[in-house]
């Protein structure tokens, strides 16, 4: 098997944002995916931080630049810069705190107000390991995701459950949209500019690929 290429050698760079209320586990999802780390002493993120990781999709190297911000209201002033250029989002709630699920609708509206209509969105119910404390039934979240035309997955950053799958699914779907757009206009997707975030306009490209084998019990 061919060896994986160096960190700076990639075919696509996609900006993905993590959004949702404070304390739902966004930072631990990021650290689990990017460094395979988890911290029980997680403190609130102040401002913005981001991490990168490359994965292989088909025969291409896709580099994700994943942005994480505080969910607290007092940091909301950063929104427009935070969302700019994002082509994917993980919208995270805590399955043990129903209020964080109720707020998903507001986060989704803000996301859609600030990003391209074609953004790939994954609704993520985190802390699925706390089964005895569950406050949000999976069926409710699945119904919301279907209504809003987003993907859905439950995760546990603690147990590393579906963390890899949720990020990889988002990146794969973005890649499919971008490569399809390139094919639609007769270009080779391999010649799309390297090293810059791609905007993937056009409203209908994603809808045909929404929802499909995305959920785990």
Protein backbone atom coordinates (compact mmCIF):
# COMPACT_ATOMS: atom_id res chain seq x y z
CA UNK A 1 0.00 0.00 0.00
CA UNK A 2 1.31 3.45 -0.89
CA UNK A 3 2.51 5.51 2.02
CA UNK A 4 0.41 8.46 3.10
CA UNK A 5 1.68 11.77 1.80
CA UNK A 6 3.18 14.54 3.92
CA UNK A 7 0.99 16.85 5.96
CA UNK A 8 1.23 19.75 3.52
CA UNK A 9 0.57 17.61 0.46
CA UNK A 10 -3.18 17.56 -0.06
CA UNK A 11 -5.67 17.87 -2.89
CA UNK A 12 -8.45 19.73 -1.09
CA UNK A 13 -8.68 21.93 1.99
CA UNK A 14 -12.13 22.14 3.57
CA UNK A 15 -13.09 24.42 6.44
CA UNK A 16 -15.51 22.75 8.87
CA UNK A 17 -17.02 24.54 11.87
CA UNK A 18 -18.20 23.12 15.19
CA UNK A 19 -21.24 24.90 16.62
CA UNK A 20 -23.63 24.36 19.49
CA UNK A 21 -24.12 25.39 23.10
CA UNK A 22 -21.29 25.61 25.60
CA UNK A 23 -20.44 22.36 27.36
CA UNK A 24 -21.83 19.94 24.74
CA UNK A 25 -18.36 18.54 24.03
CA UNK A 26 -17.27 20.36 20.85
CA UNK A 27 -13.65 20.71 21.97
CA UNK A 28 -13.42 17.06 22.96
CA UNK A 29 -14.88 15.98 19.61
CA UNK A 30 -12.21 18.08 17.93
CA UNK A 31 -9.35 16.75 20.05
CA UNK A 32 -10.59 13.16 19.67
CA UNK A 33 -10.72 13.46 15.89
CA UNK A 34 -7.53 15.48 15.38
CA UNK A 35 -5.26 14.02 18.11
CA UNK A 36 -7.23 11.06 19.53
CA UNK A 37 -7.28 12.76 22.93
CA UNK A 38 -10.01 13.34 25.50
CA UNK A 39 -9.89 15.51 28.61
CA UNK A 40 -12.30 15.17 31.51
CA UNK A 41 -11.08 18.55 32.79
CA UNK A 42 -12.25 20.31 29.67
CA UNK A 43 -12.53 24.05 30.18
CA UNK A 44 -14.58 26.46 28.10
CA UNK A 45 -13.01 27.49 24.85
CA UNK A 46 -12.23 31.21 24.81
CA UNK A 47 -12.49 32.71 21.36
CA UNK A 48 -11.57 30.34 18.53
CA UNK A 49 -9.18 27.47 18.08
CA UNK A 50 -8.76 25.12 15.18
CA UNK A 51 -7.03 21.88 14.34
CA UNK A 52 -6.29 20.10 11.09
CA UNK A 53 -6.28 16.51 9.97
CA UNK A 54 -6.03 14.89 6.57
CA UNK A 55 -8.02 11.86 5.44
CA UNK A 56 -8.14 9.94 2.20
CA UNK A 57 -11.32 10.03 0.11
CA UNK A 58 -11.18 7.93 -3.04
CA UNK A 59 -7.63 8.57 -4.23
CA UNK A 60 -7.52 12.17 -2.98
CA UNK A 61 -6.10 13.63 0.21
CA UNK A 62 -8.66 15.87 1.89
CA UNK A 63 -7.35 18.16 4.62
CA UNK A 64 -9.89 19.38 7.14
CA UNK A 65 -9.39 22.65 8.97
CA UNK A 66 -11.85 22.33 11.85
CA UNK A 67 -12.80 25.44 13.81
CA UNK A 68 -14.08 25.31 17.37
CA UNK A 69 -15.53 28.23 19.29
CA UNK A 70 -17.18 28.97 22.58
CA UNK A 71 -20.94 28.46 22.71
CA UNK A 72 -21.45 31.23 25.25
CA UNK A 73 -23.46 34.22 24.14
CA UNK A 74 -20.76 36.73 25.03
CA UNK A 75 -18.45 35.43 22.28
CA UNK A 76 -21.07 35.62 19.55
CA UNK A 77 -19.47 38.70 17.95
CA UNK A 78 -17.03 36.47 16.08
CA UNK A 79 -19.70 34.74 14.03
CA UNK A 80 -19.26 36.18 10.58
CA UNK A 81 -15.49 35.61 10.45
CA UNK A 82 -15.93 32.21 12.08
CA UNK A 83 -18.40 31.01 9.46
CA UNK A 84 -16.72 32.59 6.44
CA UNK A 85 -15.66 30.00 3.88
CA UNK A 86 -17.04 27.04 5.84
CA UNK A 87 -18.23 24.19 3.61
CA UNK A 88 -19.16 21.79 6.42
CA UNK A 89 -20.50 21.99 9.96
CA UNK A 90 -21.05 19.73 12.93
CA UNK A 91 -23.99 21.06 14.95
CA UNK A 92 -23.55 19.52 18.39
CA UNK A 93 -25.97 19.05 21.29
CA UNK A 94 -25.69 17.04 24.52
CA UNK A 95 -28.09 14.06 24.65
CA UNK A 96 -28.38 14.53 28.44
CA UNK A 97 -29.40 18.23 28.33
CA UNK A 98 -32.61 18.88 26.44
CA UNK A 99 -32.07 22.66 26.33
CA UNK A 100 -29.00 22.13 24.13
CA UNK A 101 -31.19 20.27 21.64
CA UNK A 102 -33.86 22.98 21.77
CA UNK A 103 -31.17 25.53 20.86
CA UNK A 104 -30.11 23.56 17.77
CA UNK A 105 -32.74 25.35 15.70
CA UNK A 106 -31.26 28.76 16.53
CA UNK A 107 -27.72 27.55 15.76
CA UNK A 108 -28.90 26.13 12.45
CA UNK A 109 -30.53 29.41 11.47
CA UNK A 110 -27.37 31.34 12.31
CA UNK A 111 -25.26 28.87 10.35
CA UNK A 112 -27.48 29.12 7.28
CA UNK A 113 -27.57 32.92 7.54
CA UNK A 114 -23.76 33.05 7.37
CA UNK A 115 -22.84 30.27 4.95
CA UNK A 116 -23.45 28.98 1.46
CA UNK A 117 -26.73 27.14 0.88
CA UNK A 118 -24.74 24.08 -0.11
CA UNK A 119 -22.96 23.59 3.23
CA UNK A 120 -22.91 19.98 4.46
CA UNK A 121 -24.37 19.79 7.98
CA UNK A 122 -24.17 16.92 10.46
CA UNK A 123 -26.39 17.07 13.55
CA UNK A 124 -24.41 15.42 16.35
CA UNK A 125 -25.86 14.15 19.63
CA UNK A 126 -22.79 13.89 21.86
CA UNK A 127 -22.27 12.15 25.23
CA UNK A 128 -24.15 9.07 24.05
CA UNK A 129 -22.17 7.04 26.62
CA UNK A 130 -24.33 8.60 29.39
CA UNK A 131 -27.24 6.30 28.57
CA UNK A 132 -28.86 6.50 32.01
CA UNK A 133 -29.03 10.33 31.78
CA UNK A 134 -30.46 10.59 28.27
CA UNK A 135 -32.92 13.48 27.88
CA UNK A 136 -33.18 13.67 24.08
CA UNK A 137 -34.69 10.62 22.36
CA UNK A 138 -32.82 9.61 19.23
CA UNK A 139 -36.09 9.57 17.28
CA UNK A 140 -36.63 13.28 18.00
CA UNK A 141 -33.18 14.16 16.70
CA UNK A 142 -33.61 11.95 13.62
CA UNK A 143 -36.94 13.62 12.85
CA UNK A 144 -35.36 17.07 13.18
CA UNK A 145 -32.45 16.09 10.91
CA UNK A 146 -34.83 14.73 8.31
CA UNK A 147 -37.00 17.84 8.42
CA UNK A 148 -33.98 20.13 8.10
CA UNK A 149 -32.24 17.96 5.50
CA UNK A 150 -29.09 17.38 7.53
CA UNK A 151 -27.15 14.26 8.38
CA UNK A 152 -27.36 12.88 11.92
CA UNK A 153 -25.18 10.79 14.20
CA UNK A 154 -24.84 10.19 17.92
CA UNK A 155 -21.30 10.27 19.27
CA UNK A 156 -19.29 9.84 22.42
CA UNK A 157 -16.02 11.74 22.51
CA UNK A 158 -15.23 9.86 25.75
CA UNK A 159 -15.64 6.40 24.19
CA UNK A 160 -14.53 7.55 20.70
CA UNK A 161 -17.90 6.35 19.39
CA UNK A 162 -18.74 7.63 15.88
CA UNK A 163 -16.39 10.62 16.20
CA UNK A 164 -14.30 9.47 13.28
CA UNK A 165 -17.42 8.57 11.31
CA UNK A 166 -19.14 11.91 11.81
CA UNK A 167 -16.19 14.01 10.63
CA UNK A 168 -15.31 11.61 7.81
CA UNK A 169 -18.89 11.54 6.54
CA UNK A 170 -19.03 15.35 6.39
CA UNK A 171 -15.68 15.57 4.58
CA UNK A 172 -16.66 12.82 2.14
CA UNK A 173 -19.95 14.52 1.31
CA UNK A 174 -18.20 17.86 0.76
CA UNK A 175 -15.72 16.12 -1.52
CA UNK A 176 -18.56 14.57 -3.53
CA UNK A 177 -20.24 17.95 -3.95
CA UNK A 178 -17.02 19.64 -5.03
CA UNK A 179 -15.98 16.91 -7.43
CA UNK A 180 -19.47 16.73 -8.93
CA UNK A 181 -19.49 20.49 -9.44
CA UNK A 182 -16.13 20.27 -11.14
CA UNK A 183 -17.38 17.49 -13.41
CA UNK A 184 -20.56 19.44 -14.21
CA UNK A 185 -18.49 22.25 -15.70
CA UNK A 186 -16.14 19.85 -17.47
CA UNK A 187 -13.10 20.46 -15.27
CA UNK A 188 -10.87 17.86 -13.72
CA UNK A 189 -11.44 18.11 -9.93
CA UNK A 190 -7.73 17.49 -9.46
CA UNK A 191 -6.94 20.91 -10.91
CA UNK A 192 -9.06 22.83 -8.42
CA UNK A 193 -6.80 25.29 -6.59
CA UNK A 194 -4.78 23.77 -3.79
CA UNK A 195 -4.43 25.33 -0.40
CA UNK A 196 -7.54 27.43 -0.34
CA UNK A 197 -10.99 26.91 1.04
CA UNK A 198 -13.55 26.09 -1.61
CA UNK A 199 -17.00 27.58 -1.73
CA UNK A 200 -19.44 25.12 -3.20
CA UNK A 201 -22.48 27.21 -4.22
CA UNK A 202 -25.48 25.88 -6.11
CA UNK A 203 -28.40 24.82 -4.02
CA UNK A 204 -29.28 21.42 -5.45
CA UNK A 205 -25.95 19.65 -5.38
CA UNK A 206 -26.14 18.37 -1.83
CA UNK A 207 -29.82 17.57 -1.59
CA UNK A 208 -29.57 14.39 -3.65
CA UNK A 209 -27.00 13.01 -1.21
CA UNK A 210 -28.61 14.00 2.06
CA UNK A 211 -29.58 11.39 4.59
CA UNK A 212 -28.51 7.90 4.00
CA UNK A 213 -27.23 5.19 6.30
CA UNK A 214 -25.95 7.84 8.67
CA UNK A 215 -27.28 6.79 12.00
CA UNK A 216 -25.99 4.50 14.68
CA UNK A 217 -27.84 3.20 17.67
